[in-house]
Amino acid sequence: MRVDPVVIVGAGPAGIAAAVQCERLGLEPRLMDRTGVAGGLIENAACVENYPGLEPMPGPKIAERLREFLHRFGLGVERHRLIRAVARPEYFELELEEAVCRARCVVLALGTRAKKLSCPGAEALEGTRLFYEVRAVSKRRGDGDDAMVIGAGEAAFDSALSLARAGFEVSLFGRGPGPKAVGRLRDAVESHARVKTVFNASVESLELEDGRVLARFDRGEEGTSRVRADVVLASLGRHPRRAGMLVEKDRVLYEVEPDEPLGSFVVGDARHGGLGQVGIAVGDGLAAAMSAASFLRKKQNGR
């Protein structure tokens, strides 16, 4: 079986940066993603305004530019879902959903997964009325529909702004006493005519009633509030996609520092958690590609 020089799993900003840099260095990378599409979670962003050298622009536009960037270097994205990656003496063996491949180096840009809403009724509504990514909600045309956002952090505020701009009437509910989002994003949400924020509201249950979602919130001394919406977006934070994925003699390689000479690199939010900063992800991907090139040169020289 062929052994590829570098396989990159995950086609968000970190994986794309790694793939292009590997191509520039002559490493002939393979780039894979479970969706088969480049871009990653950046498509959920209402606006990216802190990437040096680029004017502020919405996340979907950034994703489009990333796809153009890949195409410019003749790179595509293979649709594969990684099941398991195991370190062998001379290569990594990647067990994919429908295939197996081998690589001298592996770059894991697996991103994050959403923390699920834990309350009665949530599981039954997931994927139809309850979502964890704004791009999934945006496909349901807004134009006056009511959207409920549960969460009070940066991602929740960003999602509320995206939905408001898409035409939804948005109510954002946070269980704490106030917002966790700060600065320009907080100001943009709080000044938007289509967004209402409510705090000290802990969701107790969700159910479908007359074609709409009925949510019950514990408001403390104010008692229980009943709120209806057409769709619900839960934005409660994210977990790195990493536990148990890469194993060597029962040792989880995600616990190994990326610069150790093992040929495996974890980049972007899979490494840092839910920071959600495209600049950090891109830098991580570039660093991994440079380290992979150095690792492969040492292997070729017998060191």
C-alpha atoms as a PDB file:
ATOM      1  CA  MET A   1       0.000   0.000   0.000  1.00  0.00           C
ATOM      2  CA  ARG A   2       1.240   3.482  -0.893  1.00  0.00           C
ATOM      3  CA  VAL A   3       2.550   5.651   1.944  1.00  0.00           C
ATOM      4  CA  ASP A   4       1.770   9.348   1.373  1.00  0.00           C
ATOM      5  CA  PRO A   5       4.226  11.958   2.647  1.00  0.00           C
ATOM      6  CA  VAL A   6       1.546  14.007   4.437  1.00  0.00           C
ATOM      7  CA  VAL A   7      -2.160  13.515   5.044  1.00  0.00           C
ATOM      8  CA  ILE A   8      -4.140  16.423   6.482  1.00  0.00           C
ATOM      9  CA  VAL A   9      -7.503  15.685   8.056  1.00  0.00           C
ATOM     10  CA  GLY A  10      -9.839  18.663   8.289  1.00  0.00           C
ATOM     11  CA  ALA A  11     -10.303  21.392   5.661  1.00  0.00           C
ATOM     12  CA  GLY A  12     -10.915  24.439   7.799  1.00  0.00           C
ATOM     13  CA  PRO A  13      -8.448  27.353   7.894  1.00  0.00           C
ATOM     14  CA  ALA A  14      -5.780  25.340   9.760  1.00  0.00           C
ATOM     15  CA  GLY A  15      -5.949  22.351   7.424  1.00  0.00           C
ATOM     16  CA  ILE A  16      -5.998  24.536   4.321  1.00  0.00           C
ATOM     17  CA  ALA A  17      -2.986  26.535   5.494  1.00  0.00           C
ATOM     18  CA  ALA A  18      -1.108  23.299   6.208  1.00  0.00           C
ATOM     19  CA  ALA A  19      -2.029  21.786   2.829  1.00  0.00           C
ATOM     20  CA  VAL A  20      -0.964  24.809   0.796  1.00  0.00           C
ATOM     21  CA  GLN A  21       2.305  25.197   2.668  1.00  0.00           C
ATOM     22  CA  CYS A  22       3.064  21.486   2.223  1.00  0.00           C
ATOM     23  CA  GLU A  23       2.369  21.828  -1.502  1.00  0.00           C
ATOM     24  CA  ARG A  24       4.675  24.841  -1.699  1.00  0.00           C
ATOM     25  CA  LEU A  25       7.389  22.762  -0.027  1.00  0.00           C
ATOM     26  CA  GLY A  26       6.934  19.917  -2.512  1.00  0.00           C
ATOM     27  CA  LEU A  27       5.430  17.424  -0.039  1.00  0.00           C
ATOM     28  CA  GLU A  28       2.431  16.343  -2.187  1.00  0.00           C
ATOM     29  CA  PRO A  29      -0.179  16.523   0.591  1.00  0.00           C
ATOM     30  CA  ARG A  30      -3.582  14.877   0.635  1.00  0.00           C
ATOM     31  CA  LEU A  31      -6.332  16.968   2.225  1.00  0.00           C
ATOM     32  CA  MET A  32      -9.429  15.257   3.616  1.00  0.00           C
ATOM     33  CA  ASP A  33     -12.606  16.410   5.314  1.00  0.00           C
ATOM     34  CA  ARG A  34     -15.727  14.577   6.414  1.00  0.00           C
ATOM     35  CA  THR A  35     -17.859  17.046   4.420  1.00  0.00           C
ATOM     36  CA  GLY A  36     -15.700  17.004   1.295  1.00  0.00           C
ATOM     37  CA  VAL A  37     -15.864  20.811   1.247  1.00  0.00           C
ATOM     38  CA  ALA A  38     -13.224  23.320   2.331  1.00  0.00           C
ATOM     39  CA  GLY A  39     -14.058  26.126   4.716  1.00  0.00           C
ATOM     40  CA  GLY A  40     -14.943  24.620   8.075  1.00  0.00           C
ATOM     41  CA  LEU A  41     -16.732  26.496  10.824  1.00  0.00           C
ATOM     42  CA  ILE A  42     -15.538  29.880   9.562  1.00  0.00           C
ATOM     43  CA  GLU A  43     -18.729  29.866   7.468  1.00  0.00           C
ATOM     44  CA  ASN A  44     -20.693  30.461  10.677  1.00  0.00           C
ATOM     45  CA  ALA A  45     -19.017  33.794  11.408  1.00  0.00           C
ATOM     46  CA  ALA A  46     -21.089  36.941  11.005  1.00  0.00           C
ATOM     47  CA  CYS A  47     -17.986  38.987  10.276  1.00  0.00           C
ATOM     48  CA  VAL A  48     -14.230  38.423  10.491  1.00  0.00           C
ATOM     49  CA  GLU A  49     -12.570  41.777  11.143  1.00  0.00           C
ATOM     50  CA  ASN A  50      -9.329  40.874  12.935  1.00  0.00           C
ATOM     51  CA  TYR A  51      -7.411  38.996  10.233  1.00  0.00           C
ATOM     52  CA  PRO A  52      -4.425  41.188   9.303  1.00  0.00           C
ATOM     53  CA  GLY A  53      -4.386  42.439   5.735  1.00  0.00           C
ATOM     54  CA  LEU A  54      -8.011  41.630   4.935  1.00  0.00           C
ATOM     55  CA  GLU A  55     -10.955  43.983   5.076  1.00  0.00           C
ATOM     56  CA  PRO A  56     -13.788  42.877   7.397  1.00  0.00           C
ATOM     57  CA  MET A  57     -15.973  40.324   5.653  1.00  0.00           C
ATOM     58  CA  PRO A  58     -18.572  37.668   6.528  1.00  0.00           C
ATOM     59  CA  GLY A  59     -17.468  34.113   7.268  1.00  0.00           C
ATOM     60  CA  PRO A  60     -18.964  32.600   4.090  1.00  0.00           C
ATOM     61  CA  LYS A  61     -16.891  35.025   2.010  1.00  0.00           C
ATOM     62  CA  ILE A  62     -13.725  34.004   3.872  1.00  0.00           C
ATOM     63  CA  ALA A  63     -14.593  30.347   3.205  1.00  0.00           C
ATOM     64  CA  GLU A  64     -15.021  31.127  -0.487  1.00  0.00           C
ATOM     65  CA  ARG A  65     -11.586  32.755  -0.584  1.00  0.00           C
ATOM     66  CA  LEU A  66     -10.051  29.759   1.172  1.00  0.00           C
ATOM     67  CA  ARG A  67     -11.494  27.476  -1.517  1.00  0.00           C
ATOM     68  CA  GLU A  68     -10.036  29.748  -4.207  1.00  0.00           C
ATOM     69  CA  PHE A  69      -6.696  29.625  -2.395  1.00  0.00           C
ATOM     70  CA  LEU A  70      -6.680  25.820  -2.525  1.00  0.00           C
ATOM     71  CA  HIS A  71      -7.658  25.794  -6.193  1.00  0.00           C
ATOM     72  CA  ARG A  72      -4.815  28.180  -7.020  1.00  0.00           C
ATOM     73  CA  PHE A  73      -2.346  25.530  -5.824  1.00  0.00           C
ATOM     74  CA  GLY A  74      -4.154  22.674  -7.567  1.00  0.00           C
ATOM     75  CA  LEU A  75      -5.415  21.162  -4.333  1.00  0.00           C
ATOM     76  CA  GLY A  76      -8.776  19.571  -3.696  1.00  0.00           C
ATOM     77  CA  VAL A  77     -10.582  18.049  -0.727  1.00  0.00           C
ATOM     78  CA  GLU A  78     -11.258  14.323  -0.514  1.00  0.00           C
ATOM     79  CA  ARG A  79     -14.443  13.366   1.278  1.00  0.00           C
ATOM     80  CA  HIS A  80     -13.422  11.007   4.081  1.00  0.00           C
ATOM     81  CA  ARG A  81     -14.328  10.670   7.725  1.00  0.00           C
ATOM     82  CA  LEU A  82     -11.478   9.649  10.010  1.00  0.00           C
ATOM     83  CA  ILE A  83     -12.349   6.805  12.360  1.00  0.00           C
ATOM     84  CA  ARG A  84      -8.971   6.132  13.917  1.00  0.00           C
ATOM     85  CA  ALA A  85      -5.304   6.903  13.367  1.00  0.00           C
ATOM     86  CA  VAL A  86      -2.628   4.586  14.712  1.00  0.00           C
ATOM     87  CA  ALA A  87       1.137   5.166  14.767  1.00  0.00           C
ATOM     88  CA  ARG A  88       3.126   2.276  13.249  1.00  0.00           C
ATOM     89  CA  PRO A  89       6.959   2.110  13.326  1.00  0.00           C
ATOM     90  CA  GLU A  90       7.417   3.814   9.925  1.00  0.00           C
ATOM     91  CA  TYR A  91       4.076   5.464   9.175  1.00  0.00           C
ATOM     92  CA  PHE A  92       0.621   6.337  10.442  1.00  0.00           C
ATOM     93  CA  GLU A  93      -2.272   4.146   9.456  1.00  0.00           C
ATOM     94  CA  LEU A  94      -5.490   6.102   9.005  1.00  0.00           C
ATOM     95  CA  GLU A  95      -8.702   4.143   9.210  1.00  0.00           C
ATOM     96  CA  LEU A  96     -11.299   6.047   7.208  1.00  0.00           C
ATOM     97  CA  GLU A  97     -14.992   5.313   6.973  1.00  0.00           C
ATOM     98  CA  GLU A  98     -14.636   3.549   3.614  1.00  0.00           C
ATOM     99  CA  ALA A  99     -10.896   3.091   3.174  1.00  0.00           C
ATOM    100  CA  VAL A 100      -7.478   2.896   4.792  1.00  0.00           C
ATOM    101  CA  CYS A 101      -4.454   5.019   3.956  1.00  0.00           C
ATOM    102  CA  ARG A 102      -0.918   5.460   5.242  1.00  0.00           C
ATOM    103  CA  ALA A 103       1.157   8.579   5.764  1.00  0.00           C
ATOM    104  CA  ARG A 104       4.627   9.491   7.005  1.00  0.00           C
ATOM    105  CA  CYS A 105       3.141  12.571   8.661  1.00  0.00           C
ATOM    106  CA  VAL A 106      -0.397  13.327   9.721  1.00  0.00           C
ATOM    107  CA  VAL A 107      -1.827  16.752  10.465  1.00  0.00           C
ATOM    108  CA  LEU A 108      -5.075  16.654  12.391  1.00  0.00           C
ATOM    109  CA  ALA A 109      -7.143  19.796  11.925  1.00  0.00           C
ATOM    110  CA  LEU A 110     -10.334  18.208  13.178  1.00  0.00           C
ATOM    111  CA  GLY A 111     -11.836  21.332  14.706  1.00  0.00           C
ATOM    112  CA  THR A 112     -14.473  21.130  17.389  1.00  0.00           C
ATOM    113  CA  ARG A 113     -17.888  19.697  18.127  1.00  0.00           C
ATOM    114  CA  ALA A 114     -20.715  21.537  19.806  1.00  0.00           C
ATOM    115  CA  LYS A 115     -21.629  21.065  23.442  1.00  0.00           C
ATOM    116  CA  LYS A 116     -25.136  19.679  23.348  1.00  0.00           C
ATOM    117  CA  LEU A 117     -28.100  21.215  25.072  1.00  0.00           C
ATOM    118  CA  SER A 118     -29.125  18.985  27.963  1.00  0.00           C
ATOM    119  CA  CYS A 119     -32.799  19.399  28.759  1.00  0.00           C
ATOM    120  CA  PRO A 120     -36.006  17.431  28.151  1.00  0.00           C
ATOM    121  CA  GLY A 121     -37.069  17.573  24.506  1.00  0.00           C
ATOM    122  CA  ALA A 122     -33.756  18.771  23.063  1.00  0.00           C
ATOM    123  CA  GLU A 123     -32.694  15.489  21.472  1.00  0.00           C
ATOM    124  CA  ALA A 124     -36.044  14.995  19.749  1.00  0.00           C
ATOM    125  CA  LEU A 125     -35.839  18.415  18.052  1.00  0.00           C
ATOM    126  CA  GLU A 126     -32.189  18.248  16.988  1.00  0.00           C
ATOM    127  CA  GLY A 127     -31.727  18.652  13.251  1.00  0.00           C
ATOM    128  CA  THR A 128     -35.294  19.813  12.608  1.00  0.00           C
ATOM    129  CA  ARG A 129     -35.890  22.734  14.961  1.00  0.00           C
ATOM    130  CA  LEU A 130     -32.808  22.715  17.187  1.00  0.00           C
ATOM    131  CA  PHE A 131     -29.400  23.400  15.650  1.00  0.00           C
ATOM    132  CA  TYR A 132     -25.823  23.969  16.763  1.00  0.00           C
ATOM    133  CA  GLU A 133     -24.462  25.879  13.756  1.00  0.00           C
ATOM    134  CA  VAL A 134     -25.786  29.132  12.394  1.00  0.00           C
ATOM    135  CA  ARG A 135     -25.330  28.014   8.777  1.00  0.00           C
ATOM    136  CA  ALA A 136     -27.850  25.212   9.395  1.00  0.00           C
ATOM    137  CA  VAL A 137     -30.416  27.713  10.696  1.00  0.00           C
ATOM    138  CA  SER A 138     -29.737  30.229   7.932  1.00  0.00           C
ATOM    139  CA  LYS A 139     -30.851  27.678   5.340  1.00  0.00           C
ATOM    140  CA  ARG A 140     -34.349  28.063   6.809  1.00  0.00           C
ATOM    141  CA  ARG A 141     -35.265  31.411   5.267  1.00  0.00           C
ATOM    142  CA  GLY A 142     -35.654  34.116   7.951  1.00  0.00           C
ATOM    143  CA  ASP A 143     -37.794  37.055   6.815  1.00  0.00           C
ATOM    144  CA  GLY A 144     -39.515  37.599  10.130  1.00  0.00           C
ATOM    145  CA  ASP A 145     -39.271  34.079  11.533  1.00  0.00           C
ATOM    146  CA  ASP A 146     -38.457  33.942  15.216  1.00  0.00           C
ATOM    147  CA  ALA A 147     -35.095  32.460  16.166  1.00  0.00           C
ATOM    148  CA  MET A 148     -34.037  31.689  19.705  1.00  0.00           C
ATOM    149  CA  VAL A 149     -30.336  31.654  20.581  1.00  0.00           C
ATOM    150  CA  ILE A 150     -29.329  29.947  23.818  1.00  0.00           C
ATOM    151  CA  GLY A 151     -25.954  31.082  25.121  1.00  0.00           C
ATOM    152  CA  ALA A 152     -24.200  34.285  26.139  1.00  0.00           C
ATOM    153  CA  GLY A 153     -20.633  33.971  24.829  1.00  0.00           C
ATOM    154  CA  GLU A 154     -18.852  35.328  21.755  1.00  0.00           C
ATOM    155  CA  ALA A 155     -20.185  32.571  19.485  1.00  0.00           C
ATOM    156  CA  ALA A 156     -23.772  33.051  20.670  1.00  0.00           C
ATOM    157  CA  PHE A 157     -23.620  36.807  20.075  1.00  0.00           C
ATOM    158  CA  ASP A 158     -22.019  36.299  16.681  1.00  0.00           C
ATOM    159  CA  SER A 159     -24.748  33.802  15.751  1.00  0.00           C
ATOM    160  CA  ALA A 160     -27.488  36.156  16.911  1.00  0.00           C
ATOM    161  CA  LEU A 161     -26.034  38.888  14.697  1.00  0.00           C
ATOM    162  CA  SER A 162     -25.843  36.548  11.686  1.00  0.00           C
ATOM    163  CA  LEU A 163     -29.469  35.478  12.092  1.00  0.00           C
ATOM    164  CA  ALA A 164     -30.677  39.039  12.553  1.00  0.00           C
ATOM    165  CA  ARG A 165     -28.905  40.073   9.353  1.00  0.00           C
ATOM    166  CA  ALA A 166     -30.561  37.118   7.601  1.00  0.00           C
ATOM    167  CA  GLY A 167     -33.981  38.487   8.544  1.00  0.00           C
ATOM    168  CA  PHE A 168     -34.812  36.560  11.704  1.00  0.00           C
ATOM    169  CA  GLU A 169     -36.282  38.180  14.789  1.00  0.00           C
ATOM    170  CA  VAL A 170     -33.826  36.953  17.411  1.00  0.00           C
ATOM    171  CA  SER A 171     -34.138  36.421  21.144  1.00  0.00           C
ATOM    172  CA  LEU A 172     -30.913  35.518  22.945  1.00  0.00           C
ATOM    173  CA  PHE A 173     -31.134  33.823  26.339  1.00  0.00           C
ATOM    174  CA  GLY A 174     -28.189  33.503  28.730  1.00  0.00           C
ATOM    175  CA  ARG A 175     -28.348  31.716  32.053  1.00  0.00           C
ATOM    176  CA  GLY A 176     -25.893  34.086  33.755  1.00  0.00           C
ATOM    177  CA  PRO A 177     -26.488  37.636  34.927  1.00  0.00           C
ATOM    178  CA  GLY A 178     -25.155  39.213  31.741  1.00  0.00           C
ATOM    179  CA  PRO A 179     -23.297  38.714  28.465  1.00  0.00           C
ATOM    180  CA  LYS A 180     -19.872  37.115  28.244  1.00  0.00           C
ATOM    181  CA  ALA A 181     -19.258  38.735  24.870  1.00  0.00           C
ATOM    182  CA  VAL A 182     -17.394  42.041  24.976  1.00  0.00           C
ATOM    183  CA  GLY A 183     -16.345  44.941  22.783  1.00  0.00           C
ATOM    184  CA  ARG A 184     -17.554  45.612  19.259  1.00  0.00           C
ATOM    185  CA  LEU A 185     -19.516  42.375  18.932  1.00  0.00           C
ATOM    186  CA  ARG A 186     -21.490  42.999  22.100  1.00  0.00           C
ATOM    187  CA  ASP A 187     -22.228  46.569  21.020  1.00  0.00           C
ATOM    188  CA  ALA A 188     -23.376  45.421  17.563  1.00  0.00           C
ATOM    189  CA  VAL A 189     -25.814  42.886  19.013  1.00  0.00           C
ATOM    190  CA  GLU A 190     -27.199  45.132  21.731  1.00  0.00           C
ATOM    191  CA  SER A 191     -27.840  47.934  19.232  1.00  0.00           C
ATOM    192  CA  HIS A 192     -29.470  45.722  16.592  1.00  0.00           C
ATOM    193  CA  ALA A 193     -33.211  46.277  16.231  1.00  0.00           C
ATOM    194  CA  ARG A 194     -33.904  42.594  15.509  1.00  0.00           C
ATOM    195  CA  VAL A 195     -32.126  41.187  18.596  1.00  0.00           C
ATOM    196  CA  LYS A 196     -33.465  41.046  22.141  1.00  0.00           C
ATOM    197  CA  THR A 197     -31.260  39.766  24.985  1.00  0.00           C
ATOM    198  CA  VAL A 198     -32.534  38.112  28.164  1.00  0.00           C
ATOM    199  CA  PHE A 199     -30.348  36.950  31.048  1.00  0.00           C
ATOM    200  CA  ASN A 200     -30.798  34.958  34.248  1.00  0.00           C
ATOM    201  CA  ALA A 201     -32.731  32.499  32.075  1.00  0.00           C
ATOM    202  CA  SER A 202     -31.878  28.798  32.299  1.00  0.00           C
ATOM    203  CA  VAL A 203     -33.646  26.573  29.765  1.00  0.00           C
ATOM    204  CA  GLU A 204     -35.725  23.828  31.403  1.00  0.00           C
ATOM    205  CA  SER A 205     -37.355  22.109  28.422  1.00  0.00           C
ATOM    206  CA  LEU A 206     -38.179  22.296  24.728  1.00  0.00           C
ATOM    207  CA  GLU A 207     -41.193  20.886  22.925  1.00  0.00           C
ATOM    208  CA  LEU A 208     -42.998  21.263  19.643  1.00  0.00           C
ATOM    209  CA  GLU A 209     -46.379  22.914  20.006  1.00  0.00           C
ATOM    210  CA  ASP A 210     -48.562  23.918  17.067  1.00  0.00           C
ATOM    211  CA  GLY A 211     -45.621  23.758  14.689  1.00  0.00           C
ATOM    212  CA  ARG A 212     -43.339  25.972  16.778  1.00  0.00           C
ATOM    213  CA  VAL A 213     -40.832  25.380  19.547  1.00  0.00           C
ATOM    214  CA  LEU A 214     -42.043  26.112  23.057  1.00  0.00           C
ATOM    215  CA  ALA A 215     -39.174  26.712  25.474  1.00  0.00           C
ATOM    216  CA  ARG A 216     -39.544  26.980  29.226  1.00  0.00           C
ATOM    217  CA  PHE A 217     -36.977  29.047  31.100  1.00  0.00           C
ATOM    218  CA  ASP A 218     -36.280  29.199  34.810  1.00  0.00           C
ATOM    219  CA  ARG A 219     -36.032  32.919  35.624  1.00  0.00           C
ATOM    220  CA  GLY A 220     -35.236  32.510  39.314  1.00  0.00           C
ATOM    221  CA  GLU A 221     -37.369  34.777  41.469  1.00  0.00           C
ATOM    222  CA  GLU A 222     -39.372  35.752  38.394  1.00  0.00           C
ATOM    223  CA  GLY A 223     -40.603  32.176  38.015  1.00  0.00           C
ATOM    224  CA  THR A 224     -40.921  30.291  34.695  1.00  0.00           C
ATOM    225  CA  SER A 225     -41.097  31.982  31.302  1.00  0.00           C
ATOM    226  CA  ARG A 226     -42.635  30.358  28.220  1.00  0.00           C
ATOM    227  CA  VAL A 227     -41.165  31.505  24.910  1.00  0.00           C
ATOM    228  CA  ARG A 228     -42.014  30.376  21.376  1.00  0.00           C
ATOM    229  CA  ALA A 229     -39.817  30.418  18.301  1.00  0.00           C
ATOM    230  CA  ASP A 230     -39.606  28.852  14.859  1.00  0.00           C
ATOM    231  CA  VAL A 231     -36.028  27.620  15.352  1.00  0.00           C
ATOM    232  CA  VAL A 232     -33.553  27.316  18.201  1.00  0.00           C
ATOM    233  CA  LEU A 233     -29.769  27.676  17.990  1.00  0.00           C
ATOM    234  CA  ALA A 234     -27.828  26.423  21.007  1.00  0.00           C
ATOM    235  CA  SER A 235     -24.397  28.016  21.337  1.00  0.00           C
ATOM    236  CA  LEU A 236     -22.983  26.660  24.577  1.00  0.00           C
ATOM    237  CA  GLY A 237     -19.325  26.269  23.659  1.00  0.00           C
ATOM    238  CA  ARG A 238     -17.404  23.582  21.815  1.00  0.00           C
ATOM    239  CA  HIS A 239     -15.178  20.573  22.580  1.00  0.00           C
ATOM    240  CA  PRO A 240     -12.013  19.762  20.582  1.00  0.00           C
ATOM    241  CA  ARG A 241     -12.480  16.753  18.299  1.00  0.00           C
ATOM    242  CA  ARG A 242      -9.656  14.628  19.632  1.00  0.00           C
ATOM    243  CA  ALA A 243     -10.350  12.138  22.430  1.00  0.00           C
ATOM    244  CA  GLY A 244      -9.144   8.636  21.603  1.00  0.00           C
ATOM    245  CA  MET A 245      -8.396   9.340  17.953  1.00  0.00           C
ATOM    246  CA  LEU A 246      -4.660   8.804  17.772  1.00  0.00           C
ATOM    247  CA  VAL A 247      -3.106   6.011  19.828  1.00  0.00           C
ATOM    248  CA  GLU A 248       0.325   4.489  20.164  1.00  0.00           C
ATOM    249  CA  LYS A 249       0.769   1.686  22.709  1.00  0.00           C
ATOM    250  CA  ASP A 250      -2.225   3.011  24.658  1.00  0.00           C
ATOM    251  CA  ARG A 251      -0.718   6.473  24.695  1.00  0.00           C
ATOM    252  CA  VAL A 252      -2.871   9.295  23.387  1.00  0.00           C
ATOM    253  CA  LEU A 253      -0.649  11.309  21.071  1.00  0.00           C
ATOM    254  CA  TYR A 254      -2.767  14.403  21.470  1.00  0.00           C
ATOM    255  CA  GLU A 255      -1.021  14.800  24.826  1.00  0.00           C
ATOM    256  CA  VAL A 256       2.359  15.037  23.069  1.00  0.00           C
ATOM    257  CA  GLU A 257       3.761  18.469  22.262  1.00  0.00           C
ATOM    258  CA  PRO A 258       3.445  19.123  18.484  1.00  0.00           C
ATOM    259  CA  ASP A 259       7.169  19.775  18.007  1.00  0.00           C
ATOM    260  CA  GLU A 260       8.246  16.353  19.263  1.00  0.00           C
ATOM    261  CA  PRO A 261       9.682  14.176  16.437  1.00  0.00           C
ATOM    262  CA  LEU A 262       6.730  11.849  15.926  1.00  0.00           C
ATOM    263  CA  GLY A 263       5.375  13.158  12.632  1.00  0.00           C
ATOM    264  CA  SER A 264       1.943  13.910  14.076  1.00  0.00           C
ATOM    265  CA  PHE A 265       0.587  17.422  14.512  1.00  0.00           C
ATOM    266  CA  VAL A 266      -2.654  18.701  16.013  1.00  0.00           C
ATOM    267  CA  VAL A 267      -3.605  22.180  14.831  1.00  0.00           C
ATOM    268  CA  GLY A 268      -6.237  24.880  15.138  1.00  0.00           C
ATOM    269  CA  ASP A 269      -9.179  24.518  17.472  1.00  0.00           C
ATOM    270  CA  ALA A 270      -8.534  20.778  17.813  1.00  0.00           C
ATOM    271  CA  ARG A 271      -5.412  21.817  19.696  1.00  0.00           C
ATOM    272  CA  HIS A 272      -6.506  25.006  21.432  1.00  0.00           C
ATOM    273  CA  GLY A 273     -10.185  24.341  22.085  1.00  0.00           C
ATOM    274  CA  GLY A 274     -12.972  26.633  21.003  1.00  0.00           C
ATOM    275  CA  LEU A 275     -10.943  29.816  20.491  1.00  0.00           C
ATOM    276  CA  GLY A 276     -12.424  30.197  17.042  1.00  0.00           C
ATOM    277  CA  GLN A 277      -9.743  32.575  15.764  1.00  0.00           C
ATOM    278  CA  VAL A 278      -8.863  32.127  12.095  1.00  0.00           C
ATOM    279  CA  GLY A 279      -5.457  33.760  12.520  1.00  0.00           C
ATOM    280  CA  ILE A 280      -4.411  31.282  15.215  1.00  0.00           C
ATOM    281  CA  ALA A 281      -5.641  28.365  13.114  1.00  0.00           C
ATOM    282  CA  VAL A 282      -3.762  29.505  10.010  1.00  0.00           C
ATOM    283  CA  GLY A 283      -0.550  30.027  11.975  1.00  0.00           C
ATOM    284  CA  ASP A 284      -0.870  26.574  13.500  1.00  0.00           C
ATOM    285  CA  GLY A 285      -1.337  25.003  10.077  1.00  0.00           C
ATOM    286  CA  LEU A 286       1.718  26.770   8.661  1.00  0.00           C
ATOM    287  CA  ALA A 287       3.869  25.729  11.626  1.00  0.00           C
ATOM    288  CA  ALA A 288       2.764  22.100  11.287  1.00  0.00           C
ATOM    289  CA  ALA A 289       3.650  22.053   7.583  1.00  0.00           C
ATOM    290  CA  MET A 290       7.122  23.439   8.284  1.00  0.00           C
ATOM    291  CA  SER A 291       7.638  20.882  11.052  1.00  0.00           C
ATOM    292  CA  ALA A 292       6.432  18.067   8.791  1.00  0.00           C
ATOM    293  CA  ALA A 293       8.933  19.092   6.118  1.00  0.00           C
ATOM    294  CA  SER A 294      11.747  19.109   8.672  1.00  0.00           C
ATOM    295  CA  PHE A 295      10.663  15.718  10.020  1.00  0.00           C
ATOM    296  CA  LEU A 296      10.611  14.163   6.547  1.00  0.00           C
ATOM    297  CA  ARG A 297      14.041  15.556   5.688  1.00  0.00           C
ATOM    298  CA  LYS A 298      15.480  14.003   8.829  1.00  0.00           C
ATOM    299  CA  LYS A 299      13.861  10.661   7.998  1.00  0.00           C
ATOM    300  CA  GLN A 300      15.352  10.754   4.489  1.00  0.00           C
ATOM    301  CA  ASN A 301      18.771  11.472   5.954  1.00  0.00           C
ATOM    302  CA  GLY A 302      18.470   8.537   8.324  1.00  0.00           C
ATOM    303  CA  ARG A 303      18.291  10.601  11.466  1.00  0.00           C
END
